[in-house]
Amino acid sequence: MTNDFPQALTIAGTDSGGGAGISADFKTMQMRGAFATMVVVAVTAQNTLGVQDALAMPPKLIDEQFASLAADFKIRACKTGMLADPLRVKTVVNNLKRYNFGPLTVDPVMIAKGGAKLLSDDAISVVREQLLPLADLITPNLPEAEELAQMQITTEAEMEVAGHRLQSMGAKNVLVKGGHFSSNDEANDFVLLADGHSFWMTAKRKQTRNTHGTGDTISSCITAELAKGKLMKDVLKIGKAYVEATIKQGINVGHGHGPLNHWAKIRSDNNEP
C-alpha cells in the first residue's frame, strides 16, 4: 500500500554537533524503524562543549514546512523539542491545531544541563498554557518539571506531585525524568498515565560525561514507537531501555559532554531488537 510505512515527525532545532536536537531525533527514529521527517524551528552552531550561536526560522517558513509535510506524508506521531522563543512556540501550536500528525510528545527543552534557561519566561508561559494542553505525553527533566509545575522538586514524592500537577494542566500522560538526582545510584523516572495509573521506571546509573541528547533521544524513541502503533505504557518502557543502552554502550566523540550511542541495541519483553 502507498504511504503505509510508519512515519514520525520532529519539530525542533538542529545541532551541528550531531548529538542532540533533530540530529538525535533522526538517528533514533531511524534506529527504531520509523521514517523520520522534520520541521526546523531553529538552527544552532553547537558541539559537545556548548552552543555558540543560534538562529530561529521565520514563522512563514515554519508554516510552509508543516504544510509541505501534510500534503504528502502520513505522519502517525510527532514530537517537539527546542522551540526558540514565544513567537515560534505559538507558530508551532497553531500548526499542531491545524494538522493531525498523530499523538504529540512534548519534550519541553528549556533548561540546559548546566542549569541555564534556553527559553525566556514568556516563552515558558506559552509552552505551559498553549502547548502542554495539546500533549499526549510530556517528558520534562527535573528542572523543566519545576518550571512547568511551578514548584521545587527535591524528592521522588515531589516528582509524583509535579506529575499530577502537569496532568491537571492538560497533558494526558506524564513522564518526569529523575536523572538530575545525581546522588542516586539509580535514575528513576515517574510515569503517570491518562487513566490515572502510575509507575516508576528504574535504571542503574553509569558514571559518564557522554549523555548529551538524552531528552531528545527518549522522546524521539517514544515517538517512533507510537508511530508504529504501540501502546503508551509500552513505548515508555522501550524509551527508557533504549536510552539506558545508548549510555551503557557508549562512544567517545568530542571534548565535552559527548553524544549517546544511537546504534545501541536493546532486548526486552516489550520490543524487538
C-alpha atoms as a PDB file:
ATOM      1  CA  MET A   1       0.000   0.000   0.000  1.00  0.00           C
ATOM      2  CA  THR A   2       1.120   3.531  -0.699  1.00  0.00           C
ATOM      3  CA  ASN A   3       2.329   5.575   2.254  1.00  0.00           C
ATOM      4  CA  ASP A   4       1.832   2.759   4.777  1.00  0.00           C
ATOM      5  CA  PHE A   5       5.305   2.763   6.378  1.00  0.00           C
ATOM      6  CA  PRO A   6       5.428   4.229   9.942  1.00  0.00           C
ATOM      7  CA  GLN A   7       6.268   7.933   9.669  1.00  0.00           C
ATOM      8  CA  ALA A   8       7.217  10.266  12.522  1.00  0.00           C
ATOM      9  CA  LEU A   9       7.878  13.996  12.818  1.00  0.00           C
ATOM     10  CA  THR A  10      10.288  16.009  14.931  1.00  0.00           C
ATOM     11  CA  ILE A  11       9.644  19.745  15.383  1.00  0.00           C
ATOM     12  CA  ALA A  12      12.796  21.180  16.898  1.00  0.00           C
ATOM     13  CA  GLY A  13      16.181  22.813  16.374  1.00  0.00           C
ATOM     14  CA  THR A  14      19.318  21.435  14.750  1.00  0.00           C
ATOM     15  CA  ASP A  15      22.553  20.502  16.496  1.00  0.00           C
ATOM     16  CA  SER A  16      25.561  20.882  14.202  1.00  0.00           C
ATOM     17  CA  GLY A  17      27.473  18.587  16.577  1.00  0.00           C
ATOM     18  CA  GLY A  18      25.024  15.769  15.838  1.00  0.00           C
ATOM     19  CA  GLY A  19      24.326  14.732  19.424  1.00  0.00           C
ATOM     20  CA  ALA A  20      21.026  16.410  20.227  1.00  0.00           C
ATOM     21  CA  GLY A  21      18.057  18.119  18.612  1.00  0.00           C
ATOM     22  CA  ILE A  22      16.877  16.982  15.201  1.00  0.00           C
ATOM     23  CA  SER A  23      20.129  15.051  14.663  1.00  0.00           C
ATOM     24  CA  ALA A  24      19.462  12.822  17.683  1.00  0.00           C
ATOM     25  CA  ASP A  25      15.796  12.526  16.745  1.00  0.00           C
ATOM     26  CA  PHE A  26      16.588  11.321  13.215  1.00  0.00           C
ATOM     27  CA  LYS A  27      19.196   8.821  14.369  1.00  0.00           C
ATOM     28  CA  THR A  28      16.831   7.434  16.993  1.00  0.00           C
ATOM     29  CA  MET A  29      13.770   7.230  14.744  1.00  0.00           C
ATOM     30  CA  GLN A  30      15.829   5.508  12.063  1.00  0.00           C
ATOM     31  CA  MET A  31      17.186   3.040  14.612  1.00  0.00           C
ATOM     32  CA  ARG A  32      13.684   2.298  15.890  1.00  0.00           C
ATOM     33  CA  GLY A  33      12.259   1.605  12.447  1.00  0.00           C
ATOM     34  CA  ALA A  34      10.262   4.747  11.694  1.00  0.00           C
ATOM     35  CA  PHE A  35      10.728   7.108   8.738  1.00  0.00           C
ATOM     36  CA  ALA A  36      11.701  10.499  10.157  1.00  0.00           C
ATOM     37  CA  THR A  37      10.524  13.899   8.911  1.00  0.00           C
ATOM     38  CA  MET A  38      11.309  17.335  10.324  1.00  0.00           C
ATOM     39  CA  VAL A  39      10.149  20.877  10.857  1.00  0.00           C
ATOM     40  CA  VAL A  40      13.212  23.005  11.604  1.00  0.00           C
ATOM     41  CA  VAL A  41      12.364  25.743  14.101  1.00  0.00           C
ATOM     42  CA  ALA A  42      15.932  26.934  14.734  1.00  0.00           C
ATOM     43  CA  VAL A  43      19.500  26.268  13.614  1.00  0.00           C
ATOM     44  CA  THR A  44      22.351  26.171  16.121  1.00  0.00           C
ATOM     45  CA  ALA A  45      26.132  26.307  15.986  1.00  0.00           C
ATOM     46  CA  GLN A  46      26.790  23.655  18.608  1.00  0.00           C
ATOM     47  CA  ASN A  47      29.249  20.981  19.697  1.00  0.00           C
ATOM     48  CA  THR A  48      29.933  18.871  22.786  1.00  0.00           C
ATOM     49  CA  LEU A  49      31.304  21.961  24.556  1.00  0.00           C
ATOM     50  CA  GLY A  50      28.134  24.056  24.225  1.00  0.00           C
ATOM     51  CA  VAL A  51      26.017  26.262  21.969  1.00  0.00           C
ATOM     52  CA  GLN A  52      27.937  29.047  20.259  1.00  0.00           C
ATOM     53  CA  ASP A  53      25.138  30.633  18.198  1.00  0.00           C
ATOM     54  CA  ALA A  54      21.541  30.101  17.108  1.00  0.00           C
ATOM     55  CA  LEU A  55      19.109  31.432  14.528  1.00  0.00           C
ATOM     56  CA  ALA A  56      15.328  30.989  14.670  1.00  0.00           C
ATOM     57  CA  MET A  57      13.466  30.267  11.433  1.00  0.00           C
ATOM     58  CA  PRO A  58      10.910  32.780  10.083  1.00  0.00           C
ATOM     59  CA  PRO A  59       7.349  31.793  11.115  1.00  0.00           C
ATOM     60  CA  LYS A  60       6.308  31.699   7.434  1.00  0.00           C
ATOM     61  CA  LEU A  61       8.947  29.062   6.709  1.00  0.00           C
ATOM     62  CA  ILE A  62       7.804  27.018   9.718  1.00  0.00           C
ATOM     63  CA  ASP A  63       4.234  27.195   8.396  1.00  0.00           C
ATOM     64  CA  GLU A  64       5.384  26.086   4.954  1.00  0.00           C
ATOM     65  CA  GLN A  65       7.281  23.112   6.355  1.00  0.00           C
ATOM     66  CA  PHE A  66       4.141  21.929   8.162  1.00  0.00           C
ATOM     67  CA  ALA A  67       2.024  22.384   5.034  1.00  0.00           C
ATOM     68  CA  SER A  68       4.551  20.561   2.872  1.00  0.00           C
ATOM     69  CA  LEU A  69       4.566  17.527   5.165  1.00  0.00           C
ATOM     70  CA  ALA A  70       0.776  17.465   5.477  1.00  0.00           C
ATOM     71  CA  ALA A  71       0.394  17.487   1.692  1.00  0.00           C
ATOM     72  CA  ASP A  72       2.412  14.326   1.130  1.00  0.00           C
ATOM     73  CA  PHE A  73       3.146  12.218   4.195  1.00  0.00           C
ATOM     74  CA  LYS A  74       1.054  10.120   6.559  1.00  0.00           C
ATOM     75  CA  ILE A  75       2.669  11.100   9.833  1.00  0.00           C
ATOM     76  CA  ARG A  76       1.470   8.905  12.690  1.00  0.00           C
ATOM     77  CA  ALA A  77       3.226  10.531  15.660  1.00  0.00           C
ATOM     78  CA  CYS A  78       5.129  13.729  16.315  1.00  0.00           C
ATOM     79  CA  LYS A  79       7.268  15.419  18.946  1.00  0.00           C
ATOM     80  CA  THR A  80       8.507  18.879  19.802  1.00  0.00           C
ATOM     81  CA  GLY A  81      11.938  19.835  21.094  1.00  0.00           C
ATOM     82  CA  MET A  82      13.655  23.206  21.319  1.00  0.00           C
ATOM     83  CA  LEU A  83      11.209  25.873  20.073  1.00  0.00           C
ATOM     84  CA  ALA A  84      13.357  29.020  20.446  1.00  0.00           C
ATOM     85  CA  ASP A  85      11.010  31.801  21.600  1.00  0.00           C
ATOM     86  CA  PRO A  86       7.357  32.764  22.211  1.00  0.00           C
ATOM     87  CA  LEU A  87       6.632  33.555  18.550  1.00  0.00           C
ATOM     88  CA  ARG A  88       7.918  30.181  17.350  1.00  0.00           C
ATOM     89  CA  VAL A  89       6.116  28.309  20.129  1.00  0.00           C
ATOM     90  CA  LYS A  90       2.844  29.980  19.091  1.00  0.00           C
ATOM     91  CA  THR A  91       3.547  29.222  15.421  1.00  0.00           C
ATOM     92  CA  VAL A  92       4.080  25.540  16.227  1.00  0.00           C
ATOM     93  CA  VAL A  93       0.948  25.440  18.401  1.00  0.00           C
ATOM     94  CA  ASN A  94      -1.164  26.909  15.589  1.00  0.00           C
ATOM     95  CA  ASN A  95       0.120  24.310  13.129  1.00  0.00           C
ATOM     96  CA  LEU A  96      -0.409  21.415  15.526  1.00  0.00           C
ATOM     97  CA  LYS A  97      -4.020  22.531  15.819  1.00  0.00           C
ATOM     98  CA  ARG A  98      -4.303  22.768  12.020  1.00  0.00           C
ATOM     99  CA  TYR A  99      -2.848  19.351  11.119  1.00  0.00           C
ATOM    100  CA  ASN A 100      -3.382  15.906  12.600  1.00  0.00           C
ATOM    101  CA  PHE A 101       0.043  14.306  12.922  1.00  0.00           C
ATOM    102  CA  GLY A 102      -0.959  11.693  15.484  1.00  0.00           C
ATOM    103  CA  PRO A 103      -0.107  11.636  19.186  1.00  0.00           C
ATOM    104  CA  LEU A 104       2.101  14.524  20.288  1.00  0.00           C
ATOM    105  CA  THR A 105       5.064  14.086  22.629  1.00  0.00           C
ATOM    106  CA  VAL A 106       6.288  17.372  24.101  1.00  0.00           C
ATOM    107  CA  ASP A 107       9.921  17.387  25.164  1.00  0.00           C
ATOM    108  CA  PRO A 108       9.924  20.813  26.862  1.00  0.00           C
ATOM    109  CA  VAL A 109      13.520  21.784  26.115  1.00  0.00           C
ATOM    110  CA  MET A 110      14.038  24.838  28.298  1.00  0.00           C
ATOM    111  CA  ILE A 111      16.827  24.140  30.804  1.00  0.00           C
ATOM    112  CA  ALA A 112      20.392  23.269  29.761  1.00  0.00           C
ATOM    113  CA  LYS A 113      22.431  20.622  31.599  1.00  0.00           C
ATOM    114  CA  GLY A 114      24.346  23.385  33.358  1.00  0.00           C
ATOM    115  CA  GLY A 115      21.127  24.979  34.599  1.00  0.00           C
ATOM    116  CA  ALA A 116      20.937  27.875  32.112  1.00  0.00           C
ATOM    117  CA  LYS A 117      17.495  28.711  30.687  1.00  0.00           C
ATOM    118  CA  LEU A 118      17.121  28.015  26.973  1.00  0.00           C
ATOM    119  CA  LEU A 119      13.702  29.705  26.861  1.00  0.00           C
ATOM    120  CA  SER A 120      12.655  33.044  28.290  1.00  0.00           C
ATOM    121  CA  ASP A 121       9.981  33.211  30.988  1.00  0.00           C
ATOM    122  CA  ASP A 122       7.360  34.417  28.493  1.00  0.00           C
ATOM    123  CA  ALA A 123       8.163  31.514  26.156  1.00  0.00           C
ATOM    124  CA  ILE A 124       7.877  29.058  29.049  1.00  0.00           C
ATOM    125  CA  SER A 125       4.449  30.525  29.819  1.00  0.00           C
ATOM    126  CA  VAL A 126       3.339  29.847  26.231  1.00  0.00           C
ATOM    127  CA  VAL A 127       4.574  26.262  26.491  1.00  0.00           C
ATOM    128  CA  ARG A 128       2.708  25.828  29.768  1.00  0.00           C
ATOM    129  CA  GLU A 129      -0.533  27.465  28.667  1.00  0.00           C
ATOM    130  CA  GLN A 130      -0.788  26.601  24.959  1.00  0.00           C
ATOM    131  CA  LEU A 131       1.465  23.642  24.083  1.00  0.00           C
ATOM    132  CA  LEU A 132       1.125  21.470  27.178  1.00  0.00           C
ATOM    133  CA  PRO A 133      -2.677  21.054  26.783  1.00  0.00           C
ATOM    134  CA  LEU A 134      -2.087  19.566  23.300  1.00  0.00           C
ATOM    135  CA  ALA A 135       0.338  16.936  24.595  1.00  0.00           C
ATOM    136  CA  ASP A 136      -0.473  13.249  24.622  1.00  0.00           C
ATOM    137  CA  LEU A 137       2.778  12.930  26.567  1.00  0.00           C
ATOM    138  CA  ILE A 138       5.141  15.404  28.204  1.00  0.00           C
ATOM    139  CA  THR A 139       8.707  14.358  29.133  1.00  0.00           C
ATOM    140  CA  PRO A 140      10.353  17.010  31.369  1.00  0.00           C
ATOM    141  CA  ASN A 141      13.548  16.530  33.308  1.00  0.00           C
ATOM    142  CA  LEU A 142      13.535  17.793  36.893  1.00  0.00           C
ATOM    143  CA  PRO A 143      14.434  21.472  36.222  1.00  0.00           C
ATOM    144  CA  GLU A 144      11.861  21.603  33.409  1.00  0.00           C
ATOM    145  CA  ALA A 145       9.220  19.965  35.591  1.00  0.00           C
ATOM    146  CA  GLU A 146       9.940  22.556  38.277  1.00  0.00           C
ATOM    147  CA  GLU A 147       9.451  25.394  35.786  1.00  0.00           C
ATOM    148  CA  LEU A 148       6.247  23.992  34.296  1.00  0.00           C
ATOM    149  CA  ALA A 149       4.651  22.822  37.564  1.00  0.00           C
ATOM    150  CA  GLN A 150       5.926  25.939  39.370  1.00  0.00           C
ATOM    151  CA  MET A 151       7.243  24.033  42.371  1.00  0.00           C
ATOM    152  CA  GLN A 152      10.520  22.786  43.806  1.00  0.00           C
ATOM    153  CA  ILE A 153      11.364  19.111  43.336  1.00  0.00           C
ATOM    154  CA  THR A 154      13.884  17.625  45.767  1.00  0.00           C
ATOM    155  CA  THR A 155      12.379  14.197  46.439  1.00  0.00           C
ATOM    156  CA  GLU A 156      10.710  11.412  44.497  1.00  0.00           C
ATOM    157  CA  ALA A 157       7.462  12.171  46.343  1.00  0.00           C
ATOM    158  CA  GLU A 158       7.612  15.681  44.890  1.00  0.00           C
ATOM    159  CA  MET A 159       8.181  14.185  41.428  1.00  0.00           C
ATOM    160  CA  GLU A 160       4.815  12.470  41.809  1.00  0.00           C
ATOM    161  CA  VAL A 161       3.159  15.709  42.901  1.00  0.00           C
ATOM    162  CA  ALA A 162       4.645  17.504  39.891  1.00  0.00           C
ATOM    163  CA  GLY A 163       3.427  14.743  37.576  1.00  0.00           C
ATOM    164  CA  HIS A 164      -0.141  15.092  38.811  1.00  0.00           C
ATOM    165  CA  ARG A 165       0.086  18.877  38.555  1.00  0.00           C
ATOM    166  CA  LEU A 166       1.274  18.684  34.933  1.00  0.00           C
ATOM    167  CA  GLN A 167      -1.544  16.302  34.095  1.00  0.00           C
ATOM    168  CA  SER A 168      -4.055  18.708  35.637  1.00  0.00           C
ATOM    169  CA  MET A 169      -2.709  21.369  33.242  1.00  0.00           C
ATOM    170  CA  GLY A 170      -3.765  19.279  30.248  1.00  0.00           C
ATOM    171  CA  ALA A 171      -1.042  16.767  29.396  1.00  0.00           C
ATOM    172  CA  LYS A 172      -2.669  13.341  29.065  1.00  0.00           C
ATOM    173  CA  ASN A 173       0.376  11.293  30.067  1.00  0.00           C
ATOM    174  CA  VAL A 174       3.412  12.472  32.021  1.00  0.00           C
ATOM    175  CA  LEU A 175       7.000  11.215  32.270  1.00  0.00           C
ATOM    176  CA  VAL A 176       9.051  13.073  34.905  1.00  0.00           C
ATOM    177  CA  LYS A 177      12.697  12.099  34.427  1.00  0.00           C
ATOM    178  CA  GLY A 178      14.779  11.837  37.592  1.00  0.00           C
ATOM    179  CA  GLY A 179      18.255  11.807  36.075  1.00  0.00           C
ATOM    180  CA  HIS A 180      19.191  15.101  37.738  1.00  0.00           C
ATOM    181  CA  PHE A 181      19.174  13.439  41.178  1.00  0.00           C
ATOM    182  CA  SER A 182      22.925  12.907  40.811  1.00  0.00           C
ATOM    183  CA  SER A 183      23.362  11.500  44.332  1.00  0.00           C
ATOM    184  CA  ASN A 184      21.272   8.432  43.483  1.00  0.00           C
ATOM    185  CA  ASP A 185      22.836   5.203  42.212  1.00  0.00           C
ATOM    186  CA  GLU A 186      19.755   4.758  40.037  1.00  0.00           C
ATOM    187  CA  ALA A 187      17.962   7.000  37.544  1.00  0.00           C
ATOM    188  CA  ASN A 188      14.296   6.753  38.496  1.00  0.00           C
ATOM    189  CA  ASP A 189      11.530   8.174  36.297  1.00  0.00           C
ATOM    190  CA  PHE A 190       7.915   8.690  37.346  1.00  0.00           C
ATOM    191  CA  VAL A 191       5.140   7.836  34.877  1.00  0.00           C
ATOM    192  CA  LEU A 192       1.533   8.976  35.215  1.00  0.00           C
ATOM    193  CA  LEU A 193      -0.821   7.602  32.570  1.00  0.00           C
ATOM    194  CA  ALA A 194      -4.010   9.150  31.224  1.00  0.00           C
ATOM    195  CA  ASP A 195      -6.144   6.567  33.017  1.00  0.00           C
ATOM    196  CA  GLY A 196      -4.671   7.543  36.389  1.00  0.00           C
ATOM    197  CA  HIS A 197      -2.351   4.582  36.760  1.00  0.00           C
ATOM    198  CA  SER A 198       1.257   5.369  37.676  1.00  0.00           C
ATOM    199  CA  PHE A 199       4.550   3.502  37.964  1.00  0.00           C
ATOM    200  CA  TRP A 200       8.292   4.038  38.265  1.00  0.00           C
ATOM    201  CA  MET A 201      10.968   3.126  35.732  1.00  0.00           C
ATOM    202  CA  THR A 202      14.442   2.433  37.113  1.00  0.00           C
ATOM    203  CA  ALA A 203      17.878   2.069  35.535  1.00  0.00           C
ATOM    204  CA  LYS A 204      21.261   1.718  37.223  1.00  0.00           C
ATOM    205  CA  ARG A 205      23.257   4.904  36.727  1.00  0.00           C
ATOM    206  CA  LYS A 206      26.524   4.772  34.770  1.00  0.00           C
ATOM    207  CA  GLN A 207      29.119   7.417  35.564  1.00  0.00           C
ATOM    208  CA  THR A 208      29.881   9.114  32.245  1.00  0.00           C
ATOM    209  CA  ARG A 209      30.004  12.567  30.678  1.00  0.00           C
ATOM    210  CA  ASN A 210      28.556  11.229  27.443  1.00  0.00           C
ATOM    211  CA  THR A 211      24.885  11.996  27.998  1.00  0.00           C
ATOM    212  CA  HIS A 212      24.328  14.817  25.514  1.00  0.00           C
ATOM    213  CA  GLY A 213      20.896  14.447  23.907  1.00  0.00           C
ATOM    214  CA  THR A 214      19.264  12.042  26.373  1.00  0.00           C
ATOM    215  CA  GLY A 215      15.990  14.000  26.451  1.00  0.00           C
ATOM    216  CA  ASP A 216      15.788  14.198  22.673  1.00  0.00           C
ATOM    217  CA  THR A 217      16.607  10.524  22.365  1.00  0.00           C
ATOM    218  CA  ILE A 218      13.999   9.150  24.760  1.00  0.00           C
ATOM    219  CA  SER A 219      11.259  11.398  23.364  1.00  0.00           C
ATOM    220  CA  SER A 220      12.078  10.514  19.749  1.00  0.00           C
ATOM    221  CA  CYS A 221      12.264   6.802  20.569  1.00  0.00           C
ATOM    222  CA  ILE A 222       8.808   7.069  22.155  1.00  0.00           C
ATOM    223  CA  THR A 223       7.533   8.969  19.102  1.00  0.00           C
ATOM    224  CA  ALA A 224       8.877   6.336  16.705  1.00  0.00           C
ATOM    225  CA  GLU A 225       7.241   3.540  18.680  1.00  0.00           C
ATOM    226  CA  LEU A 226       3.928   5.424  18.809  1.00  0.00           C
ATOM    227  CA  ALA A 227       4.143   5.826  15.019  1.00  0.00           C
ATOM    228  CA  LYS A 228       4.378   2.035  14.828  1.00  0.00           C
ATOM    229  CA  GLY A 229       1.092   1.783  16.712  1.00  0.00           C
ATOM    230  CA  LYS A 230       2.332   0.643  20.112  1.00  0.00           C
ATOM    231  CA  LEU A 231       0.615   1.481  23.409  1.00  0.00           C
ATOM    232  CA  MET A 232       1.773   4.393  25.562  1.00  0.00           C
ATOM    233  CA  LYS A 233       2.670   2.276  28.601  1.00  0.00           C
ATOM    234  CA  ASP A 234       4.813   0.032  26.406  1.00  0.00           C
ATOM    235  CA  VAL A 235       6.612   2.763  24.452  1.00  0.00           C
ATOM    236  CA  LEU A 236       7.654   4.489  27.677  1.00  0.00           C
ATOM    237  CA  LYS A 237       9.433   1.321  28.807  1.00  0.00           C
ATOM    238  CA  ILE A 238      11.031   0.903  25.385  1.00  0.00           C
ATOM    239  CA  GLY A 239      12.265   4.509  25.505  1.00  0.00           C
ATOM    240  CA  LYS A 240      13.797   4.018  28.942  1.00  0.00           C
ATOM    241  CA  ALA A 241      15.528   0.792  27.872  1.00  0.00           C
ATOM    242  CA  TYR A 242      16.846   2.364  24.669  1.00  0.00           C
ATOM    243  CA  VAL A 243      18.355   5.402  26.403  1.00  0.00           C
ATOM    244  CA  GLU A 244      19.914   3.149  29.040  1.00  0.00           C
ATOM    245  CA  ALA A 245      21.513   1.124  26.240  1.00  0.00           C
ATOM    246  CA  THR A 246      22.796   4.224  24.402  1.00  0.00           C
ATOM    247  CA  ILE A 247      24.617   5.254  27.580  1.00  0.00           C
ATOM    248  CA  LYS A 248      25.911   1.798  28.577  1.00  0.00           C
ATOM    249  CA  GLN A 249      27.117   1.030  25.039  1.00  0.00           C
ATOM    250  CA  GLY A 250      28.781   4.444  24.888  1.00  0.00           C
ATOM    251  CA  ILE A 251      31.071   6.040  22.338  1.00  0.00           C
ATOM    252  CA  ASN A 252      33.706   8.783  22.732  1.00  0.00           C
ATOM    253  CA  VAL A 253      33.164  11.801  20.473  1.00  0.00           C
ATOM    254  CA  GLY A 254      34.279  15.386  21.098  1.00  0.00           C
ATOM    255  CA  HIS A 255      35.942  17.026  24.095  1.00  0.00           C
ATOM    256  CA  GLY A 256      32.943  17.893  26.277  1.00  0.00           C
ATOM    257  CA  HIS A 257      29.634  16.234  27.128  1.00  0.00           C
ATOM    258  CA  GLY A 258      29.710  13.615  24.398  1.00  0.00           C
ATOM    259  CA  PRO A 259      26.751  12.144  22.498  1.00  0.00           C
ATOM    260  CA  LEU A 260      24.952   8.867  23.069  1.00  0.00           C
ATOM    261  CA  ASN A 261      25.476   5.736  21.000  1.00  0.00           C
ATOM    262  CA  HIS A 262      22.355   5.764  18.835  1.00  0.00           C
ATOM    263  CA  TRP A 263      23.351   2.428  17.296  1.00  0.00           C
ATOM    264  CA  ALA A 264      22.694   0.737  20.632  1.00  0.00           C
ATOM    265  CA  LYS A 265      20.692  -2.482  20.592  1.00  0.00           C
ATOM    266  CA  ILE A 266      18.119  -3.390  23.235  1.00  0.00           C
ATOM    267  CA  ARG A 267      16.267  -6.544  24.134  1.00  0.00           C
ATOM    268  CA  SER A 268      13.199  -6.667  26.373  1.00  0.00           C
ATOM    269  CA  ASP A 269       9.794  -8.258  26.639  1.00  0.00           C
ATOM    270  CA  ASN A 270       8.225  -5.124  25.181  1.00  0.00           C
ATOM    271  CA  ASN A 271      10.146  -4.590  21.969  1.00  0.00           C
ATOM    272  CA  GLU A 272      12.067  -6.121  19.122  1.00  0.00           C
ATOM    273  CA  PRO A 273      15.831  -5.510  18.668  1.00  0.00           C
END
